[in-house]
C-alpha atoms as a PDB file:
ATOM      1  CA  MET A   1      81.505 124.200 118.835  1.00  0.00           C
ATOM      2  CA  SER A   2      80.900 125.756 115.449  1.00  0.00           C
ATOM      3  CA  ALA A   3      80.542 123.620 112.333  1.00  0.00           C
ATOM      4  CA  ALA A   4      83.568 125.256 110.730  1.00  0.00           C
ATOM      5  CA  LEU A   5      85.863 124.540 113.699  1.00  0.00           C
ATOM      6  CA  PHE A   6      84.560 120.946 113.656  1.00  0.00           C
ATOM      7  CA  HIS A   7      85.438 120.633 109.800  1.00  0.00           C
ATOM      8  CA  SER A   8      88.826 122.182 110.359  1.00  0.00           C
ATOM      9  CA  LEU A   9      89.754 119.910 113.219  1.00  0.00           C
ATOM     10  CA  GLY A  10      88.285 116.794 111.534  1.00  0.00           C
ATOM     11  CA  ALA A  11      90.099 117.722 108.329  1.00  0.00           C
ATOM     12  CA  SER A  12      93.371 118.210 110.067  1.00  0.00           C
ATOM     13  CA  LEU A  13      93.081 114.919 111.885  1.00  0.00           C
ATOM     14  CA  VAL A  14      92.374 113.017 108.644  1.00  0.00           C
ATOM     15  CA  ALA A  15      95.165 114.854 106.863  1.00  0.00           C
ATOM     16  CA  LEU A  16      97.603 113.879 109.576  1.00  0.00           C
ATOM     17  CA  LEU A  17      96.577 110.293 109.432  1.00  0.00           C
ATOM     18  CA  LEU A  18      96.839 110.216 105.644  1.00  0.00           C
ATOM     19  CA  LEU A  19     100.262 111.813 105.727  1.00  0.00           C
ATOM     20  CA  THR A  20     101.650 109.280 108.212  1.00  0.00           C
ATOM     21  CA  TRP A  21      99.883 106.061 108.384  1.00  0.00           C
ATOM     22  CA  GLY A  22      98.093 106.329 104.918  1.00  0.00           C
ATOM     23  CA  GLY A  23     101.264 107.531 103.219  1.00  0.00           C
ATOM     24  CA  ASN A  24     103.291 104.500 104.645  1.00  0.00           C
ATOM     25  CA  LEU A  25     100.587 102.134 103.533  1.00  0.00           C
ATOM     26  CA  ALA A  26     100.137 103.686 100.035  1.00  0.00           C
ATOM     27  CA  CYS A  27     104.005 103.630  99.564  1.00  0.00           C
ATOM     28  CA  LYS A  28     104.156 100.002 100.576  1.00  0.00           C
ATOM     29  CA  LEU A  29     101.368  99.025  98.293  1.00  0.00           C
ATOM     30  CA  LEU A  30     102.930 100.983  95.386  1.00  0.00           C
ATOM     31  CA  LEU A  31     106.304  99.192  95.894  1.00  0.00           C
ATOM     32  CA  ARG A  32     104.591  95.832  96.141  1.00  0.00           C
ATOM     33  CA  TRP A  33     102.478  96.502  93.056  1.00  0.00           C
ATOM     34  CA  SER A  34     105.525  97.588  90.996  1.00  0.00           C
ATOM     35  CA  GLY A  35     107.430  94.391  91.886  1.00  0.00           C
ATOM     36  CA  LEU A  36     110.307  96.386  93.571  1.00  0.00           C
ATOM     37  CA  SER A  37     109.652  94.858  96.910  1.00  0.00           C
ATOM     38  CA  ALA A  38     109.677  91.356  95.642  1.00  0.00           C
ATOM     39  CA  ALA A  39     112.737  92.143  93.574  1.00  0.00           C
ATOM     40  CA  ARG A  40     114.544  93.329  96.593  1.00  0.00           C
ATOM     41  CA  ILE A  41     113.588  90.414  98.621  1.00  0.00           C
ATOM     42  CA  ALA A  42     114.913  88.099  95.906  1.00  0.00           C
ATOM     43  CA  ALA A  43     118.156  90.186  95.782  1.00  0.00           C
ATOM     44  CA  ASP A  44     118.531  89.699  99.510  1.00  0.00           C
ATOM     45  CA  GLY A  45     118.424  85.944  99.273  1.00  0.00           C
ATOM     46  CA  GLY A  46     114.788  85.285  99.214  1.00  0.00           C
ATOM     47  CA  ALA A  47     113.857  85.893 102.915  1.00  0.00           C
ATOM     48  CA  SER A  48     111.344  88.715 103.478  1.00  0.00           C
ATOM     49  CA  PRO A  49     112.080  91.173 106.427  1.00  0.00           C
ATOM     50  CA  ALA A  50     109.116  89.487 108.247  1.00  0.00           C
ATOM     51  CA  GLU A  51     110.772  86.147 108.233  1.00  0.00           C
ATOM     52  CA  THR A  52     114.187  87.104 109.484  1.00  0.00           C
ATOM     53  CA  PRO A  53     114.862  86.317 113.130  1.00  0.00           C
ATOM     54  CA  SER A  54     116.209  89.739 113.946  1.00  0.00           C
ATOM     55  CA  THR A  55     112.990  91.545 112.870  1.00  0.00           C
ATOM     56  CA  ALA A  56     112.162  92.541 116.349  1.00  0.00           C
ATOM     57  CA  GLN A  57     115.570  94.090 116.899  1.00  0.00           C
ATOM     58  CA  GLN A  58     115.460  96.143 113.623  1.00  0.00           C
ATOM     59  CA  PRO A  59     114.023  99.664 113.963  1.00  0.00           C
ATOM     60  CA  ARG A  60     111.412 100.777 111.461  1.00  0.00           C
ATOM     61  CA  VAL A  61     113.399 103.746 110.410  1.00  0.00           C
ATOM     62  CA  GLY A  62     111.960 103.858 106.892  1.00  0.00           C
ATOM     63  CA  ARG A  63     108.502 104.476 108.270  1.00  0.00           C
ATOM     64  CA  VAL A  64     109.684 107.301 110.607  1.00  0.00           C
ATOM     65  CA  ILE A  65     111.661 108.894 107.735  1.00  0.00           C
ATOM     66  CA  GLY A  66     108.566 108.711 105.518  1.00  0.00           C
ATOM     67  CA  ASP A  67     106.235 110.205 108.122  1.00  0.00           C
ATOM     68  CA  LEU A  68     108.723 113.041 108.824  1.00  0.00           C
ATOM     69  CA  GLU A  69     109.376 113.570 105.120  1.00  0.00           C
ATOM     70  CA  ARG A  70     105.651 113.991 104.380  1.00  0.00           C
ATOM     71  CA  LEU A  71     104.936 116.086 107.337  1.00  0.00           C
ATOM     72  CA  THR A  72     107.837 118.355 106.576  1.00  0.00           C
ATOM     73  CA  ILE A  73     106.613 118.661 102.891  1.00  0.00           C
ATOM     74  CA  ALA A  74     103.008 119.368 104.174  1.00  0.00           C
ATOM     75  CA  ALA A  75     104.362 122.120 106.537  1.00  0.00           C
ATOM     76  CA  GLY A  76     106.537 123.663 103.820  1.00  0.00           C
ATOM     77  CA  LEU A  77     103.494 123.754 101.381  1.00  0.00           C
ATOM     78  CA  LEU A  78     101.073 125.184 104.073  1.00  0.00           C
ATOM     79  CA  LEU A  79     103.680 127.930 104.600  1.00  0.00           C
ATOM     80  CA  GLY A  80     104.302 128.547 100.914  1.00  0.00           C
ATOM     81  CA  ALA A  81     107.910 127.366 101.092  1.00  0.00           C
ATOM     82  CA  TRP A  82     108.063 125.271  97.982  1.00  0.00           C
ATOM     83  CA  GLU A  83     111.871 124.890  98.471  1.00  0.00           C
ATOM     84  CA  VAL A  84     111.219 122.426 101.319  1.00  0.00           C
ATOM     85  CA  LEU A  85     110.457 119.773  98.552  1.00  0.00           C
ATOM     86  CA  VAL A  86     113.947 120.150  97.144  1.00  0.00           C
ATOM     87  CA  ALA A  87     115.541 120.113 100.615  1.00  0.00           C
ATOM     88  CA  VAL A  88     113.797 116.989 101.505  1.00  0.00           C
ATOM     89  CA  VAL A  89     114.618 115.074  98.384  1.00  0.00           C
ATOM     90  CA  ALA A  90     118.299 116.436  98.550  1.00  0.00           C
ATOM     91  CA  LEU A  91     118.648 115.315 102.207  1.00  0.00           C
ATOM     92  CA  LYS A  92     117.307 111.778 101.392  1.00  0.00           C
ATOM     93  CA  SER A  93     119.556 111.499  98.359  1.00  0.00           C
ATOM     94  CA  VAL A  94     122.761 112.471 100.324  1.00  0.00           C
ATOM     95  CA  ALA A  95     121.848 110.084 103.090  1.00  0.00           C
ATOM     96  CA  ARG A  96     121.386 107.245 100.551  1.00  0.00           C
ATOM     97  CA  PHE A  97     124.120 108.128  98.113  1.00  0.00           C
ATOM     98  CA  LYS A  98     126.086 104.811  98.534  1.00  0.00           C
ATOM     99  CA  ASP A  99     122.954 102.584  98.197  1.00  0.00           C
ATOM    100  CA  LEU A 100     122.009 104.348  94.818  1.00  0.00           C
ATOM    101  CA  GLU A 101     125.083 102.898  93.051  1.00  0.00           C
ATOM    102  CA  GLU A 102     122.931  99.697  92.594  1.00  0.00           C
ATOM    103  CA  LYS A 103     120.206  99.955  90.067  1.00  0.00           C
ATOM    104  CA  LEU A 104     117.533  98.045  92.079  1.00  0.00           C
ATOM    105  CA  ASN A 105     118.197 100.195  95.138  1.00  0.00           C
ATOM    106  CA  ALA A 106     118.051 103.374  93.111  1.00  0.00           C
ATOM    107  CA  GLU A 107     114.672 102.484  91.467  1.00  0.00           C
ATOM    108  CA  TYR A 108     113.192 101.514  94.999  1.00  0.00           C
ATOM    109  CA  PHE A 109     114.467 104.678  96.345  1.00  0.00           C
ATOM    110  CA  LEU A 110     113.240 106.870  93.450  1.00  0.00           C
ATOM    111  CA  VAL A 111     109.655 105.246  93.249  1.00  0.00           C
ATOM    112  CA  GLY A 112     109.307 105.455  97.011  1.00  0.00           C
ATOM    113  CA  SER A 113     110.525 108.942  97.336  1.00  0.00           C
ATOM    114  CA  LEU A 114     108.731 110.363  94.383  1.00  0.00           C
ATOM    115  CA  PHE A 115     105.337 108.763  95.368  1.00  0.00           C
ATOM    116  CA  SER A 116     105.822 109.892  99.001  1.00  0.00           C
ATOM    117  CA  VAL A 117     106.326 113.516  97.692  1.00  0.00           C
ATOM    118  CA  LEU A 118     103.348 113.186  95.434  1.00  0.00           C
ATOM    119  CA  TRP A 119     101.206 111.786  98.104  1.00  0.00           C
ATOM    120  CA  ALA A 120     102.191 114.690 100.577  1.00  0.00           C
ATOM    121  CA  VAL A 121     101.355 117.342  97.833  1.00  0.00           C
ATOM    122  CA  VAL A 122      97.928 115.897  97.064  1.00  0.00           C
ATOM    123  CA  VAL A 123      97.006 115.357 100.634  1.00  0.00           C
ATOM    124  CA  THR A 124      98.020 118.902 101.573  1.00  0.00           C
ATOM    125  CA  PHE A 125      96.146 120.544  98.771  1.00  0.00           C
ATOM    126  CA  ALA A 126      93.115 118.511  99.428  1.00  0.00           C
ATOM    127  CA  TRP A 127      93.416 119.446 103.134  1.00  0.00           C
ATOM    128  CA  ARG A 128      93.623 123.016 102.207  1.00  0.00           C
ATOM    129  CA  ALA A 129      90.755 122.954  99.760  1.00  0.00           C
ATOM    130  CA  TYR A 130      88.457 121.204 102.248  1.00  0.00           C
ATOM    131  CA  ASP A 131      89.436 123.670 104.953  1.00  0.00           C
ATOM    132  CA  ALA A 132      88.803 126.621 102.545  1.00  0.00           C
ATOM    133  CA  ARG A 133      85.285 125.369 101.609  1.00  0.00           C
ATOM    134  CA  TRP A 134      84.032 123.825 104.898  1.00  0.00           C
ATOM    135  CA  GLY A 135      86.248 124.823 107.661  1.00  0.00           C
ATOM    136  CA  LEU A 136      87.725 128.024 109.012  1.00  0.00           C
ATOM    137  CA  ASP A 137      89.926 128.725 106.038  1.00  0.00           C
ATOM    138  CA  LEU A 138      93.020 128.908 108.028  1.00  0.00           C
ATOM    139  CA  ALA A 139      95.219 129.576 105.015  1.00  0.00           C
ATOM    140  CA  ALA A 140      93.504 132.882 104.443  1.00  0.00           C
ATOM    141  CA  SER A 141      93.206 133.900 108.121  1.00  0.00           C
ATOM    142  CA  LEU A 142      96.741 133.259 109.327  1.00  0.00           C
ATOM    143  CA  PRO A 143      99.600 135.555 108.347  1.00  0.00           C
ATOM    144  CA  GLY A 144     102.185 133.813 106.182  1.00  0.00           C
ATOM    145  CA  LEU A 145      99.727 131.186 104.967  1.00  0.00           C
END
């Protein structure tokens, strides 16, 4: 296996992990650091989601949506389709329209969404830069990229 192929595969694996697991962790830490997580817990009566008895029954939809959002943005950026950014934000806004009437929910949504988009853009460009320097430079060798 050539070194360039090894670097491309390694960079792709790291980028996918950063876009999914790393993105969820980074968003969670930012929301905790900003105080928005604590404010939402207080607004919900003081019980954190981890303390509620029905946690095992609640799906982790936010994490799945975040993963899909960042992977979709990365795919759009890799293909040069910047309009994907607008489509993702518009789709999320339509889905959460009723929740955005409350200021705290709107701030939580905006901070989380904007950071998630920023995270996807930074990881994708770092991925492309690494691949161009040490990998196979897939962006230059594949049509449409």
